[in-house]
Full PDB file with SEQRES, HELIX, SHEET, SSBOND, CRYST1, ORIGX, SCALE, CONECT and MASTER records, all heavy atoms in Angstrom:
SEQRES   1 A   41  ASP SER LYS TYR ASN PHE GLU ASP ILE ASP CYS LEU TYR          
SEQRES   2 A   41  LYS GLY THR ASN SER ALA GLU SER ILE PHE PHE ARG ASP          
SEQRES   3 A   41  GLN GLY ARG ILE ASN SER GLY TYR ALA MET GLU HIS THR          
SEQRES   4 A   41  LEU PHE                                                      
HELIX    1 AA1 GLU A   20  ILE A   22  5                                   3    
HELIX    2 AA2 GLN A   27  SER A   32  1                                   6    
HELIX    3 AA3 MET A   36  HIS A   38  5                                   3    
CRYST1    1.000    1.000    1.000  90.00  90.00  90.00 P 1           1          
ORIGX1      1.000000  0.000000  0.000000        0.00000                         
ORIGX2      0.000000  1.000000  0.000000        0.00000                         
ORIGX3      0.000000  0.000000  1.000000        0.00000                         
SCALE1      1.000000  0.000000  0.000000        0.00000                         
SCALE2      0.000000  1.000000  0.000000        0.00000                         
SCALE3      0.000000  0.000000  1.000000        0.00000                         
ATOM      1  N   ASP A   1    -208.839 -47.745 109.572  1.00  0.00           N  
ATOM      2  CA  ASP A   1    -209.239 -46.477 110.123  1.00  0.00           C  
ATOM      3  C   ASP A   1    -210.121 -45.640 109.137  1.00  0.00           C  
ATOM      4  O   ASP A   1    -210.538 -44.558 109.571  1.00  0.00           O  
ATOM      5  CB  ASP A   1    -208.085 -45.627 110.565  1.00  0.00           C  
ATOM      6  CG  ASP A   1    -207.302 -46.319 111.718  1.00  0.00           C  
ATOM      7  OD1 ASP A   1    -207.936 -47.208 112.450  1.00  0.00           O  
ATOM      8  OD2 ASP A   1    -206.182 -46.057 111.954  1.00  0.00           O  
ATOM      9  N   SER A   2    -210.300 -46.150 107.937  1.00  0.00           N  
ATOM     10  CA  SER A   2    -211.040 -45.277 106.926  1.00  0.00           C  
ATOM     11  C   SER A   2    -212.442 -45.910 106.759  1.00  0.00           C  
ATOM     12  O   SER A   2    -212.782 -46.810 107.355  1.00  0.00           O  
ATOM     13  CB  SER A   2    -210.234 -45.446 105.590  1.00  0.00           C  
ATOM     14  OG  SER A   2    -210.461 -46.696 105.026  1.00  0.00           O  
ATOM     15  N   LYS A   3    -213.147 -45.327 105.769  1.00  0.00           N  
ATOM     16  CA  LYS A   3    -214.453 -45.788 105.358  1.00  0.00           C  
ATOM     17  C   LYS A   3    -214.492 -47.141 104.711  1.00  0.00           C  
ATOM     18  O   LYS A   3    -215.563 -47.729 104.416  1.00  0.00           O  
ATOM     19  CB  LYS A   3    -215.207 -44.801 104.538  1.00  0.00           C  
ATOM     20  CG  LYS A   3    -215.374 -43.482 105.279  1.00  0.00           C  
ATOM     21  CD  LYS A   3    -216.246 -43.570 106.529  1.00  0.00           C  
ATOM     22  CE  LYS A   3    -216.523 -42.173 107.159  1.00  0.00           C  
ATOM     23  NZ  LYS A   3    -217.305 -42.214 108.324  1.00  0.00           N  
ATOM     24  N   TYR A   4    -213.250 -47.665 104.420  1.00  0.00           N  
ATOM     25  CA  TYR A   4    -213.196 -48.933 103.745  1.00  0.00           C  
ATOM     26  C   TYR A   4    -213.638 -50.147 104.595  1.00  0.00           C  
ATOM     27  O   TYR A   4    -214.026 -51.127 104.162  1.00  0.00           O  
ATOM     28  CB  TYR A   4    -211.804 -49.253 103.274  1.00  0.00           C  
ATOM     29  CG  TYR A   4    -211.422 -48.402 101.980  1.00  0.00           C  
ATOM     30  CD1 TYR A   4    -210.504 -47.406 102.203  1.00  0.00           C  
ATOM     31  CD2 TYR A   4    -211.991 -48.604 100.843  1.00  0.00           C  
ATOM     32  CE1 TYR A   4    -210.132 -46.671 101.071  1.00  0.00           C  
ATOM     33  CE2 TYR A   4    -211.583 -47.841  99.625  1.00  0.00           C  
ATOM     34  CZ  TYR A   4    -210.662 -46.860  99.846  1.00  0.00           C  
ATOM     35  OH  TYR A   4    -210.331 -46.134  98.711  1.00  0.00           O  
ATOM     36  N   ASN A   5    -213.529 -50.042 105.936  1.00  0.00           N  
ATOM     37  CA  ASN A   5    -213.798 -50.997 106.920  1.00  0.00           C  
ATOM     38  C   ASN A   5    -213.108 -52.309 106.603  1.00  0.00           C  
ATOM     39  O   ASN A   5    -213.578 -53.436 106.580  1.00  0.00           O  
ATOM     40  CB  ASN A   5    -215.280 -51.301 106.987  1.00  0.00           C  
ATOM     41  CG  ASN A   5    -216.221 -50.231 107.376  1.00  0.00           C  
ATOM     42  OD1 ASN A   5    -215.774 -49.326 108.330  1.00  0.00           O  
ATOM     43  ND2 ASN A   5    -217.249 -49.922 106.854  1.00  0.00           N  
ATOM     44  N   PHE A   6    -211.827 -52.199 106.283  1.00  0.00           N  
ATOM     45  CA  PHE A   6    -210.965 -53.312 105.919  1.00  0.00           C  
ATOM     46  C   PHE A   6    -210.852 -54.200 107.182  1.00  0.00           C  
ATOM     47  O   PHE A   6    -210.720 -53.708 108.199  1.00  0.00           O  
ATOM     48  CB  PHE A   6    -209.543 -52.853 105.483  1.00  0.00           C  
ATOM     49  CG  PHE A   6    -208.706 -53.962 104.885  1.00  0.00           C  
ATOM     50  CD1 PHE A   6    -208.817 -54.363 103.578  1.00  0.00           C  
ATOM     51  CD2 PHE A   6    -207.791 -54.621 105.657  1.00  0.00           C  
ATOM     52  CE1 PHE A   6    -208.071 -55.343 103.119  1.00  0.00           C  
ATOM     53  CE2 PHE A   6    -206.959 -55.673 105.206  1.00  0.00           C  
ATOM     54  CZ  PHE A   6    -207.140 -55.997 103.833  1.00  0.00           C  
ATOM     55  N   GLU A   7    -210.757 -55.509 106.902  1.00  0.00           N  
ATOM     56  CA  GLU A   7    -210.541 -56.514 108.059  1.00  0.00           C  
ATOM     57  C   GLU A   7    -209.417 -57.439 107.690  1.00  0.00           C  
ATOM     58  O   GLU A   7    -209.315 -57.842 106.572  1.00  0.00           O  
ATOM     59  CB  GLU A   7    -211.899 -57.228 108.324  1.00  0.00           C  
ATOM     60  CG  GLU A   7    -212.960 -56.396 108.648  1.00  0.00           C  
ATOM     61  CD  GLU A   7    -213.011 -55.878 110.126  1.00  0.00           C  
ATOM     62  OE1 GLU A   7    -212.037 -56.054 110.822  1.00  0.00           O  
ATOM     63  OE2 GLU A   7    -213.939 -55.074 110.412  1.00  0.00           O  
ATOM     64  N   ASP A   8    -208.725 -57.917 108.688  1.00  0.00           N  
ATOM     65  CA  ASP A   8    -207.786 -58.912 108.565  1.00  0.00           C  
ATOM     66  C   ASP A   8    -207.675 -59.841 109.764  1.00  0.00           C  
ATOM     67  O   ASP A   8    -208.325 -59.561 110.822  1.00  0.00           O  
ATOM     68  CB  ASP A   8    -206.287 -58.459 108.216  1.00  0.00           C  
ATOM     69  CG  ASP A   8    -205.559 -57.847 109.462  1.00  0.00           C  
ATOM     70  OD1 ASP A   8    -206.273 -57.417 110.244  1.00  0.00           O  
ATOM     71  OD2 ASP A   8    -204.422 -57.850 109.429  1.00  0.00           O  
ATOM     72  N   ILE A   9    -207.171 -61.035 109.584  1.00  0.00           N  
ATOM     73  CA  ILE A   9    -206.896 -61.934 110.743  1.00  0.00           C  
ATOM     74  C   ILE A   9    -205.444 -62.278 110.647  1.00  0.00           C  
ATOM     75  O   ILE A   9    -204.943 -62.999 109.700  1.00  0.00           O  
ATOM     76  CB  ILE A   9    -207.770 -63.128 110.508  1.00  0.00           C  
ATOM     77  CG1 ILE A   9    -209.258 -62.800 110.518  1.00  0.00           C  
ATOM     78  CG2 ILE A   9    -207.415 -64.179 111.670  1.00  0.00           C  
ATOM     79  CD1 ILE A   9    -210.180 -63.985 110.286  1.00  0.00           C  
ATOM     80  N   ASP A  10    -204.661 -61.901 111.709  1.00  0.00           N  
ATOM     81  CA  ASP A  10    -203.269 -61.918 111.777  1.00  0.00           C  
ATOM     82  C   ASP A  10    -202.735 -62.750 112.806  1.00  0.00           C  
ATOM     83  O   ASP A  10    -203.256 -62.857 113.852  1.00  0.00           O  
ATOM     84  CB  ASP A  10    -202.717 -60.556 111.906  1.00  0.00           C  
ATOM     85  CG  ASP A  10    -201.219 -60.418 111.822  1.00  0.00           C  
ATOM     86  OD1 ASP A  10    -200.544 -61.429 111.425  1.00  0.00           O  
ATOM     87  OD2 ASP A  10    -200.655 -59.314 111.976  1.00  0.00           O  
ATOM     88  N   CYS A  11    -201.730 -63.700 112.447  1.00  0.00           N  
ATOM     89  CA  CYS A  11    -201.167 -64.586 113.391  1.00  0.00           C  
ATOM     90  C   CYS A  11    -200.418 -63.927 114.463  1.00  0.00           C  
ATOM     91  O   CYS A  11    -200.370 -64.430 115.575  1.00  0.00           O  
ATOM     92  CB  CYS A  11    -200.333 -65.663 112.680  1.00  0.00           C  
ATOM     93  SG  CYS A  11    -199.414 -66.686 113.784  1.00  0.00           S  
ATOM     94  N   LEU A  12    -199.797 -62.833 114.125  1.00  0.00           N  
ATOM     95  CA  LEU A  12    -198.751 -62.242 115.074  1.00  0.00           C  
ATOM     96  C   LEU A  12    -199.471 -61.487 116.168  1.00  0.00           C  
ATOM     97  O   LEU A  12    -200.350 -60.723 115.935  1.00  0.00           O  
ATOM     98  CB  LEU A  12    -197.831 -61.250 114.335  1.00  0.00           C  
ATOM     99  CG  LEU A  12    -196.980 -61.949 113.140  1.00  0.00           C  
ATOM    100  CD1 LEU A  12    -195.867 -61.028 112.764  1.00  0.00           C  
ATOM    101  CD2 LEU A  12    -196.448 -63.290 113.558  1.00  0.00           C  
ATOM    102  N   TYR A  13    -198.989 -61.563 117.351  1.00  0.00           N  
ATOM    103  CA  TYR A  13    -199.400 -60.934 118.559  1.00  0.00           C  
ATOM    104  C   TYR A  13    -199.425 -59.462 118.401  1.00  0.00           C  
ATOM    105  O   TYR A  13    -200.215 -58.694 118.965  1.00  0.00           O  
ATOM    106  CB  TYR A  13    -198.806 -61.389 119.828  1.00  0.00           C  
ATOM    107  CG  TYR A  13    -197.384 -60.848 119.935  1.00  0.00           C  
ATOM    108  CD1 TYR A  13    -197.160 -59.697 120.631  1.00  0.00           C  
ATOM    109  CD2 TYR A  13    -196.291 -61.481 119.453  1.00  0.00           C  
ATOM    110  CE1 TYR A  13    -195.885 -59.131 120.736  1.00  0.00           C  
ATOM    111  CE2 TYR A  13    -194.960 -61.012 119.581  1.00  0.00           C  
ATOM    112  CZ  TYR A  13    -194.853 -59.853 120.224  1.00  0.00           C  
ATOM    113  OH  TYR A  13    -193.521 -59.194 120.395  1.00  0.00           O  
ATOM    114  N   LYS A  14    -198.478 -58.965 117.620  1.00  0.00           N  
ATOM    115  CA  LYS A  14    -198.332 -57.440 117.400  1.00  0.00           C  
ATOM    116  C   LYS A  14    -199.118 -56.932 116.277  1.00  0.00           C  
ATOM    117  O   LYS A  14    -199.242 -55.832 116.033  1.00  0.00           O  
ATOM    118  CB  LYS A  14    -196.829 -57.109 117.119  1.00  0.00           C  
ATOM    119  CG  LYS A  14    -196.354 -57.585 115.766  1.00  0.00           C  
ATOM    120  CD  LYS A  14    -194.944 -57.219 115.519  1.00  0.00           C  
ATOM    121  CE  LYS A  14    -194.583 -57.690 114.059  1.00  0.00           C  
ATOM    122  NZ  LYS A  14    -193.224 -57.272 113.677  1.00  0.00           N  
ATOM    123  N   GLY A  15    -199.940 -57.914 115.660  1.00  0.00           N  
ATOM    124  CA  GLY A  15    -200.650 -57.558 114.517  1.00  0.00           C  
ATOM    125  C   GLY A  15    -201.933 -56.757 114.684  1.00  0.00           C  
ATOM    126  O   GLY A  15    -202.166 -56.298 115.809  1.00  0.00           O  
ATOM    127  N   THR A  16    -202.475 -56.501 113.608  1.00  0.00           N  
ATOM    128  CA  THR A  16    -203.766 -55.525 113.614  1.00  0.00           C  
ATOM    129  C   THR A  16    -204.918 -56.165 114.276  1.00  0.00           C  
ATOM    130  O   THR A  16    -205.577 -55.651 115.219  1.00  0.00           O  
ATOM    131  CB  THR A  16    -204.000 -55.112 112.243  1.00  0.00           C  
ATOM    132  OG1 THR A  16    -203.756 -56.210 111.294  1.00  0.00           O  
ATOM    133  CG2 THR A  16    -203.078 -53.946 111.837  1.00  0.00           C  
ATOM    134  N   ASN A  17    -205.401 -57.337 113.684  1.00  0.00           N  
ATOM    135  CA  ASN A  17    -206.388 -58.168 114.356  1.00  0.00           C  
ATOM    136  C   ASN A  17    -205.792 -59.435 114.798  1.00  0.00           C  
ATOM    137  O   ASN A  17    -205.892 -60.398 114.192  1.00  0.00           O  
ATOM    138  CB  ASN A  17    -207.512 -58.420 113.364  1.00  0.00           C  
ATOM    139  CG  ASN A  17    -208.650 -57.366 113.461  1.00  0.00           C  
ATOM    140  OD1 ASN A  17    -208.877 -56.769 114.387  1.00  0.00           O  
ATOM    141  ND2 ASN A  17    -209.380 -57.221 112.287  1.00  0.00           N  
ATOM    142  N   SER A  18    -205.069 -59.275 115.833  1.00  0.00           N  
ATOM    143  CA  SER A  18    -204.243 -60.546 116.305  1.00  0.00           C  
ATOM    144  C   SER A  18    -205.169 -61.728 116.633  1.00  0.00           C  
ATOM    145  O   SER A  18    -206.125 -61.588 117.452  1.00  0.00           O  
ATOM    146  CB  SER A  18    -203.405 -60.172 117.424  1.00  0.00           C  
ATOM    147  OG  SER A  18    -202.691 -61.273 117.866  1.00  0.00           O  
ATOM    148  N   ALA A  19    -204.861 -62.965 116.073  1.00  0.00           N  
ATOM    149  CA  ALA A  19    -205.646 -64.054 116.274  1.00  0.00           C  
ATOM    150  C   ALA A  19    -204.709 -65.220 116.434  1.00  0.00           C  
ATOM    151  O   ALA A  19    -204.845 -66.292 115.861  1.00  0.00           O  
ATOM    152  CB  ALA A  19    -206.601 -64.325 115.150  1.00  0.00           C  
ATOM    153  N   GLU A  20    -203.588 -65.058 117.155  1.00  0.00           N  
ATOM    154  CA  GLU A  20    -202.586 -66.048 117.376  1.00  0.00           C  
ATOM    155  C   GLU A  20    -203.074 -67.421 117.786  1.00  0.00           C  
ATOM    156  O   GLU A  20    -202.565 -68.345 117.302  1.00  0.00           O  
ATOM    157  CB  GLU A  20    -201.603 -65.616 118.391  1.00  0.00           C  
ATOM    158  CG  GLU A  20    -200.316 -66.345 118.495  1.00  0.00           C  
ATOM    159  CD  GLU A  20    -199.422 -65.739 119.657  1.00  0.00           C  
ATOM    160  OE1 GLU A  20    -199.737 -64.836 120.350  1.00  0.00           O  
ATOM    161  OE2 GLU A  20    -198.221 -66.290 119.603  1.00  0.00           O  
ATOM    162  N   SER A  21    -204.142 -67.499 118.475  1.00  0.00           N  
ATOM    163  CA  SER A  21    -204.633 -68.726 118.968  1.00  0.00           C  
ATOM    164  C   SER A  21    -205.165 -69.716 117.952  1.00  0.00           C  
ATOM    165  O   SER A  21    -205.316 -70.857 118.118  1.00  0.00           O  
ATOM    166  CB  SER A  21    -205.598 -68.524 120.161  1.00  0.00           C  
ATOM    167  OG  SER A  21    -206.879 -67.901 119.521  1.00  0.00           O  
ATOM    168  N   ILE A  22    -205.541 -69.203 116.772  1.00  0.00           N  
ATOM    169  CA  ILE A  22    -206.133 -70.041 115.789  1.00  0.00           C  
ATOM    170  C   ILE A  22    -205.162 -70.606 114.844  1.00  0.00           C  
ATOM    171  O   ILE A  22    -205.612 -71.356 113.936  1.00  0.00           O  
ATOM    172  CB  ILE A  22    -207.291 -69.274 115.050  1.00  0.00           C  
ATOM    173  CG1 ILE A  22    -206.807 -68.256 114.035  1.00  0.00           C  
ATOM    174  CG2 ILE A  22    -208.322 -68.624 115.938  1.00  0.00           C  
ATOM    175  CD1 ILE A  22    -207.772 -67.696 112.961  1.00  0.00           C  
ATOM    176  N   PHE A  23    -203.917 -70.205 114.933  1.00  0.00           N  
ATOM    177  CA  PHE A  23    -202.889 -70.777 114.113  1.00  0.00           C  
ATOM    178  C   PHE A  23    -202.028 -71.814 114.856  1.00  0.00           C  
ATOM    179  O   PHE A  23    -201.898 -71.739 116.106  1.00  0.00           O  
ATOM    180  CB  PHE A  23    -201.913 -69.618 113.567  1.00  0.00           C  
ATOM    181  CG  PHE A  23    -202.640 -68.611 112.773  1.00  0.00           C  
ATOM    182  CD1 PHE A  23    -203.273 -67.589 113.241  1.00  0.00           C  
ATOM    183  CD2 PHE A  23    -202.561 -68.703 111.360  1.00  0.00           C  
ATOM    184  CE1 PHE A  23    -204.037 -66.606 112.584  1.00  0.00           C  
ATOM    185  CE2 PHE A  23    -203.240 -67.795 110.536  1.00  0.00           C  
ATOM    186  CZ  PHE A  23    -203.840 -66.667 111.152  1.00  0.00           C  
ATOM    187  N   PHE A  24    -201.517 -72.700 114.241  1.00  0.00           N  
ATOM    188  CA  PHE A  24    -200.663 -73.738 114.882  1.00  0.00           C  
ATOM    189  C   PHE A  24    -199.529 -74.208 114.059  1.00  0.00           C  
ATOM    190  O   PHE A  24    -199.576 -74.093 112.716  1.00  0.00           O  
ATOM    191  CB  PHE A  24    -201.459 -74.876 115.321  1.00  0.00           C  
ATOM    192  CG  PHE A  24    -202.174 -75.638 114.143  1.00  0.00           C  
ATOM    193  CD1 PHE A  24    -201.675 -76.651 113.404  1.00  0.00           C  
ATOM    194  CD2 PHE A  24    -203.414 -75.086 113.682  1.00  0.00           C  
ATOM    195  CE1 PHE A  24    -202.244 -77.233 112.296  1.00  0.00           C  
ATOM    196  CE2 PHE A  24    -204.111 -75.700 112.522  1.00  0.00           C  
ATOM    197  CZ  PHE A  24    -203.481 -76.792 111.914  1.00  0.00           C  
ATOM    198  N   ARG A  25    -198.532 -74.753 114.589  1.00  0.00           N  
ATOM    199  CA  ARG A  25    -197.355 -75.358 113.937  1.00  0.00           C  
ATOM    200  C   ARG A  25    -197.634 -76.872 113.705  1.00  0.00           C  
ATOM    201  O   ARG A  25    -198.035 -77.587 114.557  1.00  0.00           O  
ATOM    202  CB  ARG A  25    -196.082 -75.230 114.756  1.00  0.00           C  
ATOM    203  CG  ARG A  25    -195.668 -73.816 114.881  1.00  0.00           C  
ATOM    204  CD  ARG A  25    -195.113 -73.198 113.705  1.00  0.00           C  
ATOM    205  NE  ARG A  25    -194.719 -71.747 113.893  1.00  0.00           N  
ATOM    206  CZ  ARG A  25    -194.184 -70.985 112.887  1.00  0.00           C  
ATOM    207  NH1 ARG A  25    -194.076 -71.416 111.665  1.00  0.00           N  
ATOM    208  NH2 ARG A  25    -193.853 -69.798 113.144  1.00  0.00           N  
ATOM    209  N   ASP A  26    -197.558 -77.293 112.441  1.00  0.00           N  
ATOM    210  CA  ASP A  26    -197.888 -78.668 112.093  1.00  0.00           C  
ATOM    211  C   ASP A  26    -196.621 -79.574 112.590  1.00  0.00           C  
ATOM    212  O   ASP A  26    -195.545 -79.506 112.015  1.00  0.00           O  
ATOM    213  CB  ASP A  26    -198.026 -78.896 110.627  1.00  0.00           C  
ATOM    214  CG  ASP A  26    -198.401 -80.215 110.166  1.00  0.00           C  
ATOM    215  OD1 ASP A  26    -199.540 -80.662 110.269  1.00  0.00           O  
ATOM    216  OD2 ASP A  26    -197.418 -80.911 109.739  1.00  0.00           O  
ATOM    217  N   GLN A  27    -196.863 -80.497 113.565  1.00  0.00           N  
ATOM    218  CA  GLN A  27    -195.858 -81.266 114.002  1.00  0.00           C  
ATOM    219  C   GLN A  27    -195.255 -82.193 113.000  1.00  0.00           C  
ATOM    220  O   GLN A  27    -194.083 -82.588 113.075  1.00  0.00           O  
ATOM    221  CB  GLN A  27    -196.318 -81.984 115.323  1.00  0.00           C  
ATOM    222  CG  GLN A  27    -195.245 -82.660 116.142  1.00  0.00           C  
ATOM    223  CD  GLN A  27    -194.238 -81.738 116.677  1.00  0.00           C  
ATOM    224  OE1 GLN A  27    -194.537 -80.638 117.203  1.00  0.00           O  
ATOM    225  NE2 GLN A  27    -192.943 -82.027 116.487  1.00  0.00           N  
ATOM    226  N   GLY A  28    -196.060 -82.804 112.230  1.00  0.00           N  
ATOM    227  CA  GLY A  28    -195.579 -83.729 111.163  1.00  0.00           C  
ATOM    228  C   GLY A  28    -194.641 -83.004 110.266  1.00  0.00           C  
ATOM    229  O   GLY A  28    -193.714 -83.712 109.910  1.00  0.00           O  
ATOM    230  N   ARG A  29    -194.861 -81.734 109.939  1.00  0.00           N  
ATOM    231  CA  ARG A  29    -193.854 -81.094 109.038  1.00  0.00           C  
ATOM    232  C   ARG A  29    -192.488 -80.826 109.908  1.00  0.00           C  
ATOM    233  O   ARG A  29    -191.428 -80.953 109.333  1.00  0.00           O  
ATOM    234  CB  ARG A  29    -194.406 -79.709 108.603  1.00  0.00           C  
ATOM    235  CG  ARG A  29    -195.497 -79.855 107.479  1.00  0.00           C  
ATOM    236  CD  ARG A  29    -195.650 -78.561 106.665  1.00  0.00           C  
ATOM    237  NE  ARG A  29    -196.262 -78.917 105.415  1.00  0.00           N  
ATOM    238  CZ  ARG A  29    -196.265 -78.212 104.371  1.00  0.00           C  
ATOM    239  NH1 ARG A  29    -195.634 -76.972 104.392  1.00  0.00           N  
ATOM    240  NH2 ARG A  29    -196.765 -78.573 103.222  1.00  0.00           N  
ATOM    241  N   ILE A  30    -192.674 -80.456 111.081  1.00  0.00           N  
ATOM    242  CA  ILE A  30    -191.492 -80.245 111.914  1.00  0.00           C  
ATOM    243  C   ILE A  30    -190.659 -81.433 112.029  1.00  0.00           C  
ATOM    244  O   ILE A  30    -189.474 -81.512 111.803  1.00  0.00           O  
ATOM    245  CB  ILE A  30    -191.858 -79.777 113.337  1.00  0.00           C  
ATOM    246  CG1 ILE A  30    -192.546 -78.397 113.215  1.00  0.00           C  
ATOM    247  CG2 ILE A  30    -190.697 -79.680 114.195  1.00  0.00           C  
ATOM    248  CD1 ILE A  30    -193.201 -77.937 114.622  1.00  0.00           C  
ATOM    249  N   ASN A  31    -191.314 -82.614 112.230  1.00  0.00           N  
ATOM    250  CA  ASN A  31    -190.615 -83.917 112.300  1.00  0.00           C  
ATOM    251  C   ASN A  31    -189.985 -84.382 111.086  1.00  0.00           C  
ATOM    252  O   ASN A  31    -189.006 -85.109 111.010  1.00  0.00           O  
ATOM    253  CB  ASN A  31    -191.632 -85.053 112.756  1.00  0.00           C  
ATOM    254  CG  ASN A  31    -192.177 -84.851 114.163  1.00  0.00           C  
ATOM    255  OD1 ASN A  31    -191.612 -84.118 114.951  1.00  0.00           O  
ATOM    256  ND2 ASN A  31    -193.226 -85.524 114.497  1.00  0.00           N  
ATOM    257  N   SER A  32    -190.614 -83.893 109.935  1.00  0.00           N  
ATOM    258  CA  SER A  32    -190.032 -84.225 108.590  1.00  0.00           C  
ATOM    259  C   SER A  32    -188.951 -83.262 108.197  1.00  0.00           C  
ATOM    260  O   SER A  32    -188.433 -83.540 106.969  1.00  0.00           O  
ATOM    261  CB  SER A  32    -191.264 -84.205 107.608  1.00  0.00           C  
ATOM    262  OG  SER A  32    -192.256 -85.045 107.824  1.00  0.00           O  
ATOM    263  N   GLY A  33    -188.588 -82.281 108.948  1.00  0.00           N  
ATOM    264  CA  GLY A  33    -187.449 -81.476 108.612  1.00  0.00           C  
ATOM    265  C   GLY A  33    -187.795 -80.207 107.935  1.00  0.00           C  
ATOM    266  O   GLY A  33    -186.870 -79.560 107.438  1.00  0.00           O  
ATOM    267  N   TYR A  34    -189.052 -79.791 107.710  1.00  0.00           N  
ATOM    268  CA  TYR A  34    -189.368 -78.539 107.217  1.00  0.00           C  
ATOM    269  C   TYR A  34    -188.852 -77.511 108.014  1.00  0.00           C  
ATOM    270  O   TYR A  34    -188.823 -77.524 109.234  1.00  0.00           O  
ATOM    271  CB  TYR A  34    -190.958 -78.359 107.092  1.00  0.00           C  
ATOM    272  CG  TYR A  34    -191.636 -79.021 105.930  1.00  0.00           C  
ATOM    273  CD1 TYR A  34    -191.856 -80.429 105.975  1.00  0.00           C  
ATOM    274  CD2 TYR A  34    -191.965 -78.317 104.697  1.00  0.00           C  
ATOM    275  CE1 TYR A  34    -192.544 -81.043 104.905  1.00  0.00           C  
ATOM    276  CE2 TYR A  34    -192.605 -78.892 103.738  1.00  0.00           C  
ATOM    277  CZ  TYR A  34    -192.930 -80.373 103.694  1.00  0.00           C  
ATOM    278  OH  TYR A  34    -193.565 -80.924 102.727  1.00  0.00           O  
ATOM    279  N   ALA A  35    -188.419 -76.338 107.348  1.00  0.00           N  
ATOM    280  CA  ALA A  35    -188.019 -75.069 108.044  1.00  0.00           C  
ATOM    281  C   ALA A  35    -189.273 -74.568 108.823  1.00  0.00           C  
ATOM    282  O   ALA A  35    -190.337 -74.700 108.341  1.00  0.00           O  
ATOM    283  CB  ALA A  35    -187.467 -74.062 107.186  1.00  0.00           C  
ATOM    284  N   MET A  36    -189.043 -73.939 109.969  1.00  0.00           N  
ATOM    285  CA  MET A  36    -190.118 -73.548 110.790  1.00  0.00           C  
ATOM    286  C   MET A  36    -191.069 -72.588 110.235  1.00  0.00           C  
ATOM    287  O   MET A  36    -192.269 -72.712 110.312  1.00  0.00           O  
ATOM    288  CB  MET A  36    -189.563 -72.787 112.081  1.00  0.00           C  
ATOM    289  CG  MET A  36    -190.582 -72.665 113.128  1.00  0.00           C  
ATOM    290  SD  MET A  36    -191.354 -74.258 113.779  1.00  0.00           S  
ATOM    291  CE  MET A  36    -189.942 -74.928 114.587  1.00  0.00           C  
ATOM    292  N   GLU A  37    -190.620 -71.732 109.250  1.00  0.00           N  
ATOM    293  CA  GLU A  37    -191.449 -70.865 108.539  1.00  0.00           C  
ATOM    294  C   GLU A  37    -192.368 -71.543 107.483  1.00  0.00           C  
ATOM    295  O   GLU A  37    -193.368 -70.858 107.012  1.00  0.00           O  
ATOM    296  CB  GLU A  37    -190.633 -69.706 107.892  1.00  0.00           C  
ATOM    297  CG  GLU A  37    -189.644 -70.215 106.885  1.00  0.00           C  
ATOM    298  CD  GLU A  37    -188.296 -70.299 107.529  1.00  0.00           C  
ATOM    299  OE1 GLU A  37    -188.204 -70.544 108.766  1.00  0.00           O  
ATOM    300  OE2 GLU A  37    -187.309 -70.243 106.778  1.00  0.00           O  
ATOM    301  N   HIS A  38    -192.249 -72.775 107.259  1.00  0.00           N  
ATOM    302  CA  HIS A  38    -193.152 -73.573 106.453  1.00  0.00           C  
ATOM    303  C   HIS A  38    -194.046 -74.520 107.089  1.00  0.00           C  
ATOM    304  O   HIS A  38    -194.631 -75.432 106.541  1.00  0.00           O  
ATOM    305  CB  HIS A  38    -192.271 -74.391 105.401  1.00  0.00           C  
ATOM    306  CG  HIS A  38    -191.207 -73.661 104.707  1.00  0.00           C  
ATOM    307  ND1 HIS A  38    -191.392 -72.270 104.281  1.00  0.00           N  
ATOM    308  CD2 HIS A  38    -189.949 -73.983 104.389  1.00  0.00           C  
ATOM    309  CE1 HIS A  38    -190.316 -71.953 103.722  1.00  0.00           C  
ATOM    310  NE2 HIS A  38    -189.447 -72.821 103.668  1.00  0.00           N  
ATOM    311  N   THR A  39    -194.206 -74.240 108.438  1.00  0.00           N  
ATOM    312  CA  THR A  39    -195.089 -75.146 109.243  1.00  0.00           C  
ATOM    313  C   THR A  39    -196.270 -74.506 109.798  1.00  0.00           C  
ATOM    314  O   THR A  39    -196.971 -75.200 110.610  1.00  0.00           O  
ATOM    315  CB  THR A  39    -194.252 -75.750 110.520  1.00  0.00           C  
ATOM    316  OG1 THR A  39    -193.863 -74.686 111.248  1.00  0.00           O  
ATOM    317  CG2 THR A  39    -192.988 -76.452 109.876  1.00  0.00           C  
ATOM    318  N   LEU A  40    -196.589 -73.244 109.502  1.00  0.00           N  
ATOM    319  CA  LEU A  40    -197.745 -72.559 110.156  1.00  0.00           C  
ATOM    320  C   LEU A  40    -198.945 -72.849 109.433  1.00  0.00           C  
ATOM    321  O   LEU A  40    -198.983 -72.573 108.188  1.00  0.00           O  
ATOM    322  CB  LEU A  40    -197.432 -71.026 110.243  1.00  0.00           C  
ATOM    323  CG  LEU A  40    -198.443 -70.170 111.000  1.00  0.00           C  
ATOM    324  CD1 LEU A  40    -198.349 -70.547 112.567  1.00  0.00           C  
ATOM    325  CD2 LEU A  40    -198.185 -68.746 110.878  1.00  0.00           C  
ATOM    326  N   PHE A  41    -200.062 -73.202 110.148  1.00  0.00           N  
ATOM    327  CA  PHE A  41    -201.337 -73.594 109.536  1.00  0.00           C  
ATOM    328  C   PHE A  41    -202.448 -73.065 110.379  1.00  0.00           C  
ATOM    329  O   PHE A  41    -202.304 -72.603 111.501  1.00  0.00           O  
ATOM    330  CB  PHE A  41    -201.452 -75.127 109.544  1.00  0.00           C  
ATOM    331  CG  PHE A  41    -200.678 -75.753 108.353  1.00  0.00           C  
ATOM    332  CD1 PHE A  41    -199.353 -75.993 108.493  1.00  0.00           C  
ATOM    333  CD2 PHE A  41    -201.299 -76.097 107.203  1.00  0.00           C  
ATOM    334  CE1 PHE A  41    -198.631 -76.569 107.520  1.00  0.00           C  
ATOM    335  CE2 PHE A  41    -200.635 -76.795 106.194  1.00  0.00           C  
ATOM    336  CZ  PHE A  41    -199.342 -76.969 106.221  1.00  0.00           C  
TER     337      PHE A  41                                                      
MASTER        0    0    0    3    0    0    0    6  336    1    0    4          
END                                                                             
């Protein structure tokens, strides 16, 4: 909201510049037993 013109790309739908569609869960990691929070790409 300032003169900095800051930009971000956020995975969360509630986020500032929400871009949920460009992120995905890696199925190979899920199959290998990674915790869900370690599978976002």
